[in-house]
């Protein structure tokens, strides 16, 4: 069987039947390919396609083209599994925290959660520099909200906290701010840099819930669409892949939407 993990980043599956693919070759286990163009696979040649935290980085028309390419290369009966931030879950969490803040505006812990969920929804859509406001928030508040953020984001939350969540040093934050201020003093040049950054692949171009992702998949030619969970899949031996969960019990977080389609 041929199974491919597209836009893999650092999330690799090393089982022998799996191939990890990304825009750049980041190691011996990763094959490089421009995933925004026609995929370099023959028609009806792939049994399983997996991609996580990728489709939201494409605008809807790019996403439609990509999904049509996935349909083209899948064998009949082949499965595609998609993981993407779940906009419905994010909005429900935001509304819940908003109501809690209205009833108890002095609750410091809920106030931090409220600030985080707004960043979780908006920051990667709006940021003009790598890491955006999320990095600054984590450096100041990561220790206080560690369990909550890992619950929300899963492994990616743990990785962010391990990288950024230990520094509450105001000196570091001021240095970070000064560095960015020096850049924006010359607005002409920073204008160009921001444009290049926003075209560089880090930002999100759209958000999805189960309804509108199903609509997009239907437009691409997929009819059988099913909502899954991190540990539920129609892919044989799914939990052995450790793509959505690990042996240490950590899995992709509550903010994730898991969708599977069959050709």
Protein backbone atom coordinates (compact mmCIF):
# COMPACT_ATOMS: atom_id res chain seq x y z
CA UNK A 1 0.00 0.00 0.00
CA UNK A 2 1.12 3.57 -0.68
CA UNK A 3 0.34 6.09 2.04
CA UNK A 4 1.48 9.72 1.97
CA UNK A 5 1.76 12.36 4.69
CA UNK A 6 1.55 15.70 2.86
CA UNK A 7 2.84 19.01 4.28
CA UNK A 8 4.35 16.91 7.04
CA UNK A 9 6.50 19.54 8.75
CA UNK A 10 8.04 17.81 11.75
CA UNK A 11 5.10 15.41 12.09
CA UNK A 12 6.55 12.29 10.48
CA UNK A 13 5.38 8.72 10.15
CA UNK A 14 8.32 6.33 9.85
CA UNK A 15 6.34 3.17 9.11
CA UNK A 16 7.67 1.57 5.89
CA UNK A 17 4.51 2.05 3.80
CA UNK A 18 4.35 5.79 4.56
CA UNK A 19 6.00 8.60 2.58
CA UNK A 20 6.48 12.02 4.21
CA UNK A 21 6.26 14.97 1.82
CA UNK A 22 6.74 18.72 2.30
CA UNK A 23 7.67 21.82 0.33
CA UNK A 24 11.30 21.46 1.42
CA UNK A 25 13.41 18.44 2.19
CA UNK A 26 14.00 18.75 5.94
CA UNK A 27 15.78 15.41 6.34
CA UNK A 28 16.31 11.96 4.92
CA UNK A 29 12.73 10.92 5.72
CA UNK A 30 11.10 13.83 3.85
CA UNK A 31 10.51 14.12 0.11
CA UNK A 32 10.31 17.67 -1.30
CA UNK A 33 7.39 18.67 -3.53
CA UNK A 34 5.52 21.87 -4.40
CA UNK A 35 2.11 21.02 -2.96
CA UNK A 36 0.47 24.12 -4.46
CA UNK A 37 0.86 22.67 -7.97
CA UNK A 38 -0.04 19.37 -9.62
CA UNK A 39 1.02 16.57 -7.28
CA UNK A 40 3.79 14.34 -8.65
CA UNK A 41 1.83 11.12 -8.38
CA UNK A 42 0.04 9.12 -11.05
CA UNK A 43 -3.74 8.95 -11.22
CA UNK A 44 -5.29 6.33 -8.90
CA UNK A 45 -1.92 5.46 -7.35
CA UNK A 46 -2.26 6.25 -3.62
CA UNK A 47 -4.17 4.31 -0.95
CA UNK A 48 -4.11 6.86 1.88
CA UNK A 49 -3.50 10.63 2.04
CA UNK A 50 -2.99 12.46 5.32
CA UNK A 51 -2.47 16.17 5.82
CA UNK A 52 -2.61 18.12 9.07
CA UNK A 53 -2.68 21.88 9.70
CA UNK A 54 -2.20 22.63 6.01
CA UNK A 55 -5.43 23.34 4.16
CA UNK A 56 -6.12 26.47 6.23
CA UNK A 57 -2.86 27.91 4.83
CA UNK A 58 -4.42 27.89 1.35
CA UNK A 59 -7.12 30.25 0.17
CA UNK A 60 -10.39 28.47 -0.73
CA UNK A 61 -9.63 28.26 -4.46
CA UNK A 62 -6.13 26.93 -3.79
CA UNK A 63 -7.67 24.51 -1.31
CA UNK A 64 -10.16 23.34 -3.93
CA UNK A 65 -7.37 22.72 -6.44
CA UNK A 66 -5.35 20.80 -3.85
CA UNK A 67 -8.33 18.61 -2.89
CA UNK A 68 -9.05 17.87 -6.56
CA UNK A 69 -5.43 16.76 -6.92
CA UNK A 70 -5.84 14.49 -3.90
CA UNK A 71 -8.96 13.00 -5.48
CA UNK A 72 -7.06 12.42 -8.72
CA UNK A 73 -4.21 10.46 -7.15
CA UNK A 74 -6.32 8.43 -4.71
CA UNK A 75 -7.30 4.91 -5.70
CA UNK A 76 -10.99 4.04 -5.70
CA UNK A 77 -11.80 3.25 -2.08
CA UNK A 78 -8.77 5.23 -0.94
CA UNK A 79 -9.02 7.39 2.19
CA UNK A 80 -7.97 10.98 2.80
CA UNK A 81 -7.72 12.24 6.39
CA UNK A 82 -7.67 16.00 7.07
CA UNK A 83 -6.79 17.71 10.34
CA UNK A 84 -7.40 21.46 10.61
CA UNK A 85 -8.33 23.94 13.34
CA UNK A 86 -12.05 23.64 14.13
CA UNK A 87 -13.57 27.12 13.88
CA UNK A 88 -16.82 25.98 15.49
CA UNK A 89 -14.95 24.65 18.53
CA UNK A 90 -12.94 27.87 18.80
CA UNK A 91 -16.05 30.06 18.63
CA UNK A 92 -17.89 27.95 21.21
CA UNK A 93 -14.91 28.21 23.57
CA UNK A 94 -14.75 31.97 22.99
CA UNK A 95 -18.46 32.42 23.76
CA UNK A 96 -18.18 30.26 26.88
CA UNK A 97 -15.25 32.30 28.20
CA UNK A 98 -16.94 35.57 27.25
CA UNK A 99 -19.97 34.63 29.35
CA UNK A 100 -17.72 33.63 32.24
CA UNK A 101 -15.93 36.98 32.06
CA UNK A 102 -19.25 38.84 32.06
CA UNK A 103 -20.34 37.05 35.22
CA UNK A 104 -16.94 37.21 36.96
CA UNK A 105 -14.75 39.92 35.36
CA UNK A 106 -12.10 39.67 38.11
CA UNK A 107 -11.27 36.01 37.49
CA UNK A 108 -7.61 36.27 36.42
CA UNK A 109 -7.31 32.71 35.12
CA UNK A 110 -10.39 33.03 32.92
CA UNK A 111 -9.18 36.44 31.77
CA UNK A 112 -5.97 34.84 30.46
CA UNK A 113 -7.93 32.03 28.79
CA UNK A 114 -10.20 34.64 27.19
CA UNK A 115 -7.19 36.53 25.80
CA UNK A 116 -5.68 33.26 24.54
CA UNK A 117 -8.78 32.05 22.70
CA UNK A 118 -9.01 35.36 20.82
CA UNK A 119 -5.38 34.91 19.77
CA UNK A 120 -6.03 31.27 18.84
CA UNK A 121 -8.78 32.39 16.46
CA UNK A 122 -7.31 35.59 15.04
CA UNK A 123 -3.53 35.76 15.39
CA UNK A 124 -2.45 33.42 12.62
CA UNK A 125 -4.90 35.08 10.25
CA UNK A 126 -3.65 38.59 11.01
CA UNK A 127 0.01 38.38 12.02
CA UNK A 128 2.73 40.24 10.16
CA UNK A 129 5.72 38.58 11.81
CA UNK A 130 6.63 35.01 12.62
CA UNK A 131 4.96 33.78 15.78
CA UNK A 132 2.74 36.85 15.99
CA UNK A 133 1.17 37.91 19.27
CA UNK A 134 0.90 34.29 20.40
CA UNK A 135 4.65 34.09 21.04
CA UNK A 136 4.61 37.24 23.18
CA UNK A 137 1.60 35.96 25.12
CA UNK A 138 3.25 32.58 25.74
CA UNK A 139 6.47 34.15 26.94
CA UNK A 140 4.52 36.15 29.52
CA UNK A 141 1.76 33.70 30.47
CA UNK A 142 2.72 30.25 29.18
CA UNK A 143 3.52 28.78 32.59
CA UNK A 144 0.19 29.94 34.04
CA UNK A 145 -1.87 28.43 31.21
CA UNK A 146 0.26 25.41 30.32
CA UNK A 147 -2.42 22.77 30.96
CA UNK A 148 -5.11 24.79 29.20
CA UNK A 149 -3.03 25.46 26.09
CA UNK A 150 -1.94 21.83 25.80
CA UNK A 151 -5.59 20.82 26.18
CA UNK A 152 -6.49 23.22 23.37
CA UNK A 153 -3.61 22.56 20.96
CA UNK A 154 -2.23 19.16 21.97
CA UNK A 155 1.29 18.38 20.80
CA UNK A 156 1.74 21.67 18.98
CA UNK A 157 0.81 23.48 22.18
CA UNK A 158 3.38 21.53 24.15
CA UNK A 159 6.04 22.29 21.54
CA UNK A 160 5.18 26.01 21.59
CA UNK A 161 5.33 26.11 25.37
CA UNK A 162 8.60 24.21 25.49
CA UNK A 163 10.08 26.71 23.06
CA UNK A 164 8.53 29.99 24.21
CA UNK A 165 6.73 29.36 27.49
CA UNK A 166 9.64 29.61 29.90
CA UNK A 167 10.56 33.27 29.52
CA UNK A 168 8.70 35.84 31.55
CA UNK A 169 11.74 38.09 31.39
CA UNK A 170 10.61 41.66 30.66
CA UNK A 171 14.09 42.40 29.35
CA UNK A 172 13.69 39.73 26.70
CA UNK A 173 10.27 41.08 25.73
CA UNK A 174 11.57 44.63 25.51
CA UNK A 175 14.45 43.45 23.34
CA UNK A 176 11.98 41.61 21.12
CA UNK A 177 9.82 44.77 20.85
CA UNK A 178 12.81 47.04 20.14
CA UNK A 179 14.00 44.73 17.36
CA UNK A 180 10.58 44.90 15.69
CA UNK A 181 10.34 48.68 16.21
CA UNK A 182 13.68 49.20 14.46
CA UNK A 183 12.25 47.31 11.51
CA UNK A 184 9.04 49.31 11.24
CA UNK A 185 10.72 52.72 11.47
CA UNK A 186 11.49 52.39 7.78
CA UNK A 187 7.93 51.68 6.70
CA UNK A 188 8.74 51.38 3.00
CA UNK A 189 11.06 48.44 3.49
CA UNK A 190 8.96 46.78 6.21
CA UNK A 191 5.91 47.04 3.98
CA UNK A 192 7.69 44.81 1.49
CA UNK A 193 8.90 42.46 4.23
CA UNK A 194 5.39 42.06 5.63
CA UNK A 195 4.09 41.23 2.17
CA UNK A 196 6.79 38.61 1.69
CA UNK A 197 6.10 37.18 5.14
CA UNK A 198 2.37 36.89 4.52
CA UNK A 199 3.09 35.03 1.29
CA UNK A 200 5.61 32.76 3.00
CA UNK A 201 3.21 30.08 4.22
CA UNK A 202 2.90 30.73 7.97
CA UNK A 203 -0.38 32.64 7.99
CA UNK A 204 -3.84 31.13 7.75
CA UNK A 205 -5.94 32.27 4.80
CA UNK A 206 -9.25 30.83 5.97
CA UNK A 207 -10.97 28.89 8.75
CA UNK A 208 -13.07 25.75 8.54
CA UNK A 209 -15.81 24.03 10.45
CA UNK A 210 -17.24 20.62 9.62
CA UNK A 211 -20.00 22.14 7.47
CA UNK A 212 -17.98 24.32 5.10
CA UNK A 213 -15.11 21.84 4.80
CA UNK A 214 -17.68 19.25 3.72
CA UNK A 215 -19.02 21.74 1.14
CA UNK A 216 -15.50 22.26 -0.23
CA UNK A 217 -14.86 18.51 -0.34
CA UNK A 218 -18.13 17.99 -2.20
CA UNK A 219 -17.07 20.63 -4.74
CA UNK A 220 -13.79 18.75 -5.20
CA UNK A 221 -15.68 15.52 -5.98
CA UNK A 222 -15.71 13.73 -2.62
CA UNK A 223 -19.11 12.49 -1.44
CA UNK A 224 -18.43 10.28 1.58
CA UNK A 225 -17.41 12.72 4.36
CA UNK A 226 -17.17 11.66 8.01
CA UNK A 227 -16.13 13.52 11.16
CA UNK A 228 -13.63 11.51 13.20
CA UNK A 229 -11.55 12.01 16.36
CA UNK A 230 -7.81 11.79 17.03
CA UNK A 231 -8.08 8.06 17.77
CA UNK A 232 -10.88 7.10 15.39
CA UNK A 233 -10.13 6.36 11.75
CA UNK A 234 -11.02 4.06 8.88
CA UNK A 235 -7.32 3.87 7.98
CA UNK A 236 -5.98 0.40 8.91
CA UNK A 237 -3.66 0.37 11.95
CA UNK A 238 -4.19 4.10 12.36
CA UNK A 239 -2.92 4.42 15.93
CA UNK A 240 0.41 2.87 14.94
CA UNK A 241 1.19 5.94 12.84
CA UNK A 242 1.33 8.29 15.86
CA UNK A 243 0.29 11.11 13.54
CA UNK A 244 -2.59 12.38 15.68
CA UNK A 245 -1.54 10.85 19.01
CA UNK A 246 1.65 9.54 20.58
CA UNK A 247 2.59 6.62 22.77
CA UNK A 248 3.00 8.97 25.73
CA UNK A 249 -0.73 9.74 25.58
CA UNK A 250 -0.56 13.22 24.06
CA UNK A 251 -2.82 13.84 21.09
CA UNK A 252 -3.87 16.69 18.84
CA UNK A 253 -5.97 19.11 20.86
CA UNK A 254 -9.60 20.03 21.30
CA UNK A 255 -9.30 22.77 18.71
CA UNK A 256 -8.76 20.23 15.91
CA UNK A 257 -11.28 19.01 13.37
CA UNK A 258 -10.66 15.48 12.04
CA UNK A 259 -12.32 14.63 8.72
CA UNK A 260 -12.07 11.54 6.54
CA UNK A 261 -13.31 11.05 2.99
CA UNK A 262 -13.38 8.02 0.72
CA UNK A 263 -13.00 8.10 -3.05
